[in-house]
Amino acid sequence: MNEACLPLKLCQRQRQAINRHEMMRPAFILIAAAGLSACTPPDPHFNSYETELHGSCEALVSAETGVRPEDVSAISTKTEPTGSVTTISVVGAQSPWLCLADPFGVITGVQYSQEG
């Protein structure tokens, strides 16, 4: 090959490299978005999140109190940036139980709301 073809081949290779890079960009953005969404706390206003949280809290309070699961029910959930508190009604209890969760929806504990 003569020297006049060399720059043409170089330009073609550069274009091919640029095209490969541009084709990879959407895949990289999707991977990055998926990774970041795993770190994002669930939206407390999203109904299935609250339903899951209520179910988990009811099960934990039922296990803690020894009361049948059907006699334990979530009343409400208050969400703040630091986490959430779900109020749980237990048949036979004078006061409700509290279920505490971190901002990511991980339950950190349950406790009776009345001292004594």
N, C-alpha and C. Protein backbone atom coordinates (compact mmCIF):
# COMPACT_ATOMS: atom_id res chain seq x y z
N MET A 1 0.84 -1.18 0.00
CA MET A 1 0.00 0.00 0.00
C MET A 1 0.88 1.24 0.00
N ASN A 2 0.37 2.26 -0.64
CA ASN A 2 1.17 3.49 -0.67
C ASN A 2 0.84 4.33 0.56
N GLU A 3 1.61 5.36 0.77
CA GLU A 3 1.47 6.18 1.97
C GLU A 3 0.20 7.02 1.97
N ALA A 4 -0.37 7.27 0.81
CA ALA A 4 -1.59 8.08 0.74
C ALA A 4 -2.77 7.34 1.39
N CYS A 5 -2.76 6.01 1.41
CA CYS A 5 -3.85 5.23 2.01
C CYS A 5 -3.76 5.18 3.52
N LEU A 6 -2.57 5.38 4.05
CA LEU A 6 -2.38 5.25 5.49
C LEU A 6 -3.26 6.20 6.30
N PRO A 7 -3.32 7.51 5.97
CA PRO A 7 -4.20 8.38 6.75
C PRO A 7 -5.67 8.00 6.61
N LEU A 8 -6.08 7.51 5.46
CA LEU A 8 -7.46 7.11 5.27
C LEU A 8 -7.82 5.96 6.21
N LYS A 9 -6.93 4.96 6.31
CA LYS A 9 -7.17 3.84 7.22
C LYS A 9 -7.19 4.32 8.67
N LEU A 10 -6.31 5.26 9.00
CA LEU A 10 -6.27 5.80 10.34
C LEU A 10 -7.59 6.50 10.66
N CYS A 11 -8.11 7.28 9.72
CA CYS A 11 -9.39 7.97 9.94
C CYS A 11 -10.52 6.96 10.10
N GLN A 12 -10.51 5.90 9.32
CA GLN A 12 -11.54 4.89 9.45
C GLN A 12 -11.49 4.22 10.83
N ARG A 13 -10.29 3.93 11.29
CA ARG A 13 -10.15 3.32 12.61
C ARG A 13 -10.63 4.25 13.72
N GLN A 14 -10.32 5.55 13.58
CA GLN A 14 -10.78 6.50 14.57
C GLN A 14 -12.31 6.58 14.58
N ARG A 15 -12.92 6.60 13.39
CA ARG A 15 -14.38 6.64 13.32
C ARG A 15 -14.99 5.38 13.93
N GLN A 16 -14.37 4.24 13.67
CA GLN A 16 -14.87 2.99 14.24
C GLN A 16 -14.78 3.03 15.77
N ALA A 17 -13.68 3.53 16.28
CA ALA A 17 -13.51 3.62 17.74
C ALA A 17 -14.54 4.58 18.34
N ILE A 18 -14.78 5.69 17.66
CA ILE A 18 -15.77 6.65 18.15
C ILE A 18 -17.16 6.01 18.13
N ASN A 19 -17.48 5.31 17.05
CA ASN A 19 -18.79 4.65 16.95
C ASN A 19 -18.96 3.62 18.06
N ARG A 20 -17.92 2.83 18.35
CA ARG A 20 -18.01 1.84 19.43
C ARG A 20 -18.24 2.55 20.77
N HIS A 21 -17.54 3.65 20.98
CA HIS A 21 -17.69 4.41 22.22
C HIS A 21 -19.12 4.94 22.35
N GLU A 22 -19.65 5.50 21.27
CA GLU A 22 -21.00 6.07 21.30
C GLU A 22 -22.05 4.98 21.51
N MET A 23 -21.79 3.78 20.99
CA MET A 23 -22.73 2.68 21.18
C MET A 23 -22.71 2.19 22.62
N MET A 24 -21.59 2.33 23.30
CA MET A 24 -21.47 1.85 24.68
C MET A 24 -22.08 2.85 25.67
N ARG A 25 -22.19 4.10 25.30
CA ARG A 25 -22.67 5.14 26.21
C ARG A 25 -24.05 4.83 26.79
N PRO A 26 -25.07 4.46 25.98
CA PRO A 26 -26.38 4.15 26.57
C PRO A 26 -26.33 2.97 27.55
N ALA A 27 -25.52 1.97 27.23
CA ALA A 27 -25.41 0.82 28.13
C ALA A 27 -24.80 1.25 29.46
N PHE A 28 -23.78 2.11 29.40
CA PHE A 28 -23.14 2.59 30.62
C PHE A 28 -24.14 3.39 31.47
N ILE A 29 -24.94 4.23 30.80
CA ILE A 29 -25.91 5.05 31.53
C ILE A 29 -26.95 4.15 32.21
N LEU A 30 -27.40 3.11 31.51
CA LEU A 30 -28.37 2.19 32.12
C LEU A 30 -27.78 1.46 33.32
N ILE A 31 -26.53 1.02 33.20
CA ILE A 31 -25.87 0.32 34.31
C ILE A 31 -25.71 1.26 35.50
N ALA A 32 -25.29 2.49 35.22
CA ALA A 32 -25.12 3.46 36.30
C ALA A 32 -26.45 3.78 36.98
N ALA A 33 -27.50 3.94 36.18
CA ALA A 33 -28.81 4.24 36.75
C ALA A 33 -29.32 3.07 37.61
N ALA A 34 -29.10 1.85 37.13
CA ALA A 34 -29.53 0.68 37.90
C ALA A 34 -28.78 0.61 39.23
N GLY A 35 -27.49 0.89 39.18
CA GLY A 35 -26.69 0.87 40.41
C GLY A 35 -27.14 1.92 41.40
N LEU A 36 -27.43 3.10 40.91
CA LEU A 36 -27.87 4.18 41.80
C LEU A 36 -29.26 3.92 42.35
N SER A 37 -30.12 3.31 41.55
CA SER A 37 -31.47 3.06 42.05
C SER A 37 -31.45 2.05 43.19
N ALA A 38 -30.45 1.19 43.24
CA ALA A 38 -30.35 0.23 44.34
C ALA A 38 -30.03 0.94 45.65
N CYS A 39 -29.44 2.13 45.57
CA CYS A 39 -29.06 2.88 46.76
C CYS A 39 -30.11 3.90 47.17
N THR A 40 -31.13 4.05 46.38
CA THR A 40 -32.16 5.03 46.66
C THR A 40 -33.20 4.43 47.59
N PRO A 41 -33.53 5.13 48.67
CA PRO A 41 -34.55 4.59 49.55
C PRO A 41 -35.88 4.51 48.81
N PRO A 42 -36.69 3.55 49.16
CA PRO A 42 -37.98 3.44 48.52
C PRO A 42 -38.84 4.65 48.80
N ASP A 43 -39.70 4.98 47.88
CA ASP A 43 -40.61 6.10 48.05
C ASP A 43 -41.68 5.69 49.06
N PRO A 44 -41.72 6.35 50.22
CA PRO A 44 -42.68 5.95 51.25
C PRO A 44 -44.13 6.12 50.81
N HIS A 45 -44.37 6.91 49.79
CA HIS A 45 -45.74 7.10 49.32
C HIS A 45 -46.13 6.05 48.30
N PHE A 46 -45.19 5.21 47.93
CA PHE A 46 -45.48 4.14 46.97
C PHE A 46 -46.17 3.03 47.71
N ASN A 47 -47.38 2.71 47.33
CA ASN A 47 -48.26 1.82 48.09
C ASN A 47 -47.66 0.46 48.40
N SER A 48 -46.98 -0.19 47.47
CA SER A 48 -46.46 -1.53 47.74
C SER A 48 -45.35 -1.49 48.79
N TYR A 49 -44.59 -0.39 48.83
CA TYR A 49 -43.55 -0.25 49.86
C TYR A 49 -44.20 -0.23 51.24
N GLU A 50 -45.24 0.56 51.37
CA GLU A 50 -45.91 0.66 52.66
C GLU A 50 -46.60 -0.65 53.04
N THR A 51 -47.17 -1.32 52.06
CA THR A 51 -47.83 -2.60 52.31
C THR A 51 -46.81 -3.63 52.80
N GLU A 52 -45.64 -3.67 52.16
CA GLU A 52 -44.58 -4.60 52.60
C GLU A 52 -44.12 -4.26 54.00
N LEU A 53 -43.92 -2.98 54.25
CA LEU A 53 -43.45 -2.55 55.57
C LEU A 53 -44.48 -2.93 56.64
N HIS A 54 -45.76 -2.68 56.36
CA HIS A 54 -46.81 -3.03 57.32
C HIS A 54 -46.82 -4.53 57.60
N GLY A 55 -46.73 -5.34 56.55
CA GLY A 55 -46.73 -6.79 56.73
C GLY A 55 -45.56 -7.27 57.57
N SER A 56 -44.37 -6.72 57.31
CA SER A 56 -43.18 -7.11 58.08
C SER A 56 -43.30 -6.67 59.53
N CYS A 57 -43.79 -5.45 59.74
CA CYS A 57 -43.94 -4.95 61.10
C CYS A 57 -44.96 -5.77 61.87
N GLU A 58 -46.08 -6.09 61.23
CA GLU A 58 -47.10 -6.90 61.90
C GLU A 58 -46.54 -8.27 62.29
N ALA A 59 -45.76 -8.87 61.41
CA ALA A 59 -45.18 -10.18 61.71
C ALA A 59 -44.21 -10.10 62.89
N LEU A 60 -43.39 -9.07 62.92
CA LEU A 60 -42.42 -8.92 64.02
C LEU A 60 -43.12 -8.67 65.35
N VAL A 61 -44.13 -7.81 65.34
CA VAL A 61 -44.86 -7.53 66.58
C VAL A 61 -45.61 -8.78 67.04
N SER A 62 -46.17 -9.52 66.11
CA SER A 62 -46.86 -10.77 66.46
C SER A 62 -45.89 -11.74 67.12
N ALA A 63 -44.71 -11.87 66.56
CA ALA A 63 -43.70 -12.77 67.13
C ALA A 63 -43.23 -12.28 68.50
N GLU A 64 -43.08 -10.98 68.64
CA GLU A 64 -42.59 -10.40 69.90
C GLU A 64 -43.63 -10.54 71.02
N THR A 65 -44.90 -10.39 70.68
CA THR A 65 -45.96 -10.41 71.70
C THR A 65 -46.57 -11.79 71.91
N GLY A 66 -46.41 -12.67 70.95
CA GLY A 66 -47.03 -13.99 71.03
C GLY A 66 -48.51 -13.96 70.68
N VAL A 67 -48.96 -12.85 70.10
CA VAL A 67 -50.35 -12.69 69.70
C VAL A 67 -50.49 -13.20 68.27
N ARG A 68 -51.64 -13.82 67.97
CA ARG A 68 -51.87 -14.36 66.63
C ARG A 68 -51.74 -13.25 65.58
N PRO A 69 -51.20 -13.56 64.41
CA PRO A 69 -51.02 -12.55 63.35
C PRO A 69 -52.30 -11.82 62.97
N GLU A 70 -53.44 -12.51 63.00
CA GLU A 70 -54.70 -11.85 62.62
C GLU A 70 -55.17 -10.85 63.68
N ASP A 71 -54.56 -10.86 64.87
CA ASP A 71 -54.90 -9.90 65.92
C ASP A 71 -53.92 -8.73 66.00
N VAL A 72 -53.11 -8.60 64.98
CA VAL A 72 -52.12 -7.52 64.91
C VAL A 72 -52.34 -6.79 63.58
N SER A 73 -52.44 -5.44 63.63
CA SER A 73 -52.65 -4.71 62.37
C SER A 73 -51.98 -3.34 62.42
N ALA A 74 -51.42 -2.95 61.29
CA ALA A 74 -50.78 -1.64 61.16
C ALA A 74 -51.86 -0.57 61.08
N ILE A 75 -51.65 0.52 61.82
CA ILE A 75 -52.61 1.62 61.84
C ILE A 75 -52.16 2.73 60.89
N SER A 76 -50.90 3.12 61.03
CA SER A 76 -50.39 4.22 60.21
C SER A 76 -48.86 4.16 60.15
N THR A 77 -48.31 4.90 59.21
CA THR A 77 -46.87 5.02 59.10
C THR A 77 -46.52 6.49 58.93
N LYS A 78 -45.59 6.95 59.75
CA LYS A 78 -45.08 8.32 59.65
C LYS A 78 -43.65 8.23 59.13
N THR A 79 -43.40 8.88 58.00
CA THR A 79 -42.08 8.80 57.36
C THR A 79 -41.37 10.15 57.43
N GLU A 80 -40.10 10.11 57.78
CA GLU A 80 -39.24 11.28 57.83
C GLU A 80 -37.94 10.94 57.12
N PRO A 81 -37.09 11.90 56.86
CA PRO A 81 -35.82 11.59 56.18
C PRO A 81 -34.95 10.59 56.94
N THR A 82 -35.11 10.51 58.25
CA THR A 82 -34.29 9.61 59.06
C THR A 82 -34.86 8.20 59.15
N GLY A 83 -36.09 8.00 58.64
CA GLY A 83 -36.70 6.68 58.69
C GLY A 83 -38.19 6.78 58.89
N SER A 84 -38.79 5.68 59.31
CA SER A 84 -40.24 5.69 59.50
C SER A 84 -40.62 4.97 60.79
N VAL A 85 -41.79 5.35 61.29
CA VAL A 85 -42.37 4.71 62.47
C VAL A 85 -43.77 4.26 62.08
N THR A 86 -44.01 2.97 62.20
CA THR A 86 -45.32 2.40 61.91
C THR A 86 -45.98 2.06 63.24
N THR A 87 -47.20 2.54 63.41
CA THR A 87 -47.96 2.26 64.63
C THR A 87 -48.76 0.98 64.39
N ILE A 88 -48.66 0.05 65.35
CA ILE A 88 -49.27 -1.27 65.23
C ILE A 88 -50.27 -1.48 66.37
N SER A 89 -51.47 -1.87 66.01
CA SER A 89 -52.51 -2.20 67.00
C SER A 89 -52.43 -3.68 67.33
N VAL A 90 -52.46 -4.01 68.62
CA VAL A 90 -52.43 -5.40 69.06
C VAL A 90 -53.64 -5.62 69.96
N VAL A 91 -54.44 -6.63 69.62
CA VAL A 91 -55.63 -6.95 70.43
C VAL A 91 -55.18 -7.26 71.86
N GLY A 92 -55.84 -6.61 72.83
CA GLY A 92 -55.52 -6.84 74.24
C GLY A 92 -54.48 -5.90 74.80
N ALA A 93 -53.78 -5.16 73.96
CA ALA A 93 -52.77 -4.21 74.45
C ALA A 93 -53.43 -2.86 74.72
N GLN A 94 -52.98 -2.19 75.80
CA GLN A 94 -53.56 -0.89 76.15
C GLN A 94 -53.07 0.22 75.22
N SER A 95 -51.87 0.06 74.72
CA SER A 95 -51.27 1.06 73.82
C SER A 95 -50.73 0.36 72.59
N PRO A 96 -50.53 1.12 71.52
CA PRO A 96 -50.00 0.49 70.30
C PRO A 96 -48.51 0.18 70.41
N TRP A 97 -48.05 -0.69 69.54
CA TRP A 97 -46.63 -0.98 69.39
C TRP A 97 -46.09 -0.10 68.28
N LEU A 98 -44.78 0.14 68.31
CA LEU A 98 -44.13 0.94 67.29
C LEU A 98 -43.11 0.08 66.55
N CYS A 99 -43.08 0.22 65.26
CA CYS A 99 -42.12 -0.50 64.42
C CYS A 99 -41.24 0.55 63.74
N LEU A 100 -39.95 0.48 64.00
CA LEU A 100 -39.02 1.49 63.50
C LEU A 100 -38.25 0.94 62.29
N ALA A 101 -38.12 1.77 61.25
CA ALA A 101 -37.39 1.37 60.05
C ALA A 101 -36.46 2.50 59.63
N ASP A 102 -35.34 2.14 59.03
CA ASP A 102 -34.39 3.15 58.54
C ASP A 102 -34.91 3.73 57.22
N PRO A 103 -34.21 4.72 56.64
CA PRO A 103 -34.69 5.35 55.40
C PRO A 103 -34.80 4.38 54.22
N PHE A 104 -34.13 3.25 54.29
CA PHE A 104 -34.17 2.28 53.20
C PHE A 104 -35.27 1.23 53.40
N GLY A 105 -36.04 1.35 54.49
CA GLY A 105 -37.12 0.41 54.74
C GLY A 105 -36.72 -0.81 55.52
N VAL A 106 -35.49 -0.84 56.04
CA VAL A 106 -35.04 -1.96 56.86
C VAL A 106 -35.51 -1.74 58.29
N ILE A 107 -36.23 -2.70 58.81
CA ILE A 107 -36.76 -2.58 60.17
C ILE A 107 -35.63 -2.70 61.18
N THR A 108 -35.56 -1.72 62.07
CA THR A 108 -34.48 -1.69 63.07
C THR A 108 -34.95 -2.13 64.45
N GLY A 109 -36.27 -2.24 64.63
CA GLY A 109 -36.76 -2.72 65.91
C GLY A 109 -38.25 -2.45 66.11
N VAL A 110 -38.80 -3.14 67.10
CA VAL A 110 -40.19 -2.91 67.52
C VAL A 110 -40.18 -2.67 69.02
N GLN A 111 -41.13 -1.86 69.47
CA GLN A 111 -41.20 -1.55 70.90
C GLN A 111 -42.62 -1.18 71.29
N TYR A 112 -42.93 -1.46 72.55
CA TYR A 112 -44.23 -1.09 73.08
C TYR A 112 -44.21 0.41 73.36
N SER A 113 -45.26 1.12 73.00
CA SER A 113 -45.24 2.58 73.11
C SER A 113 -45.49 3.11 74.51
N GLN A 114 -45.88 2.24 75.44
CA GLN A 114 -46.13 2.67 76.82
C GLN A 114 -45.10 2.03 77.72
N GLU A 115 -44.49 2.85 78.58
CA GLU A 115 -43.50 2.29 79.52
C GLU A 115 -44.20 1.55 80.64
N GLY A 116 -43.48 0.59 81.17
CA GLY A 116 -44.06 -0.08 82.33
C GLY A 116 -44.01 -1.54 82.31
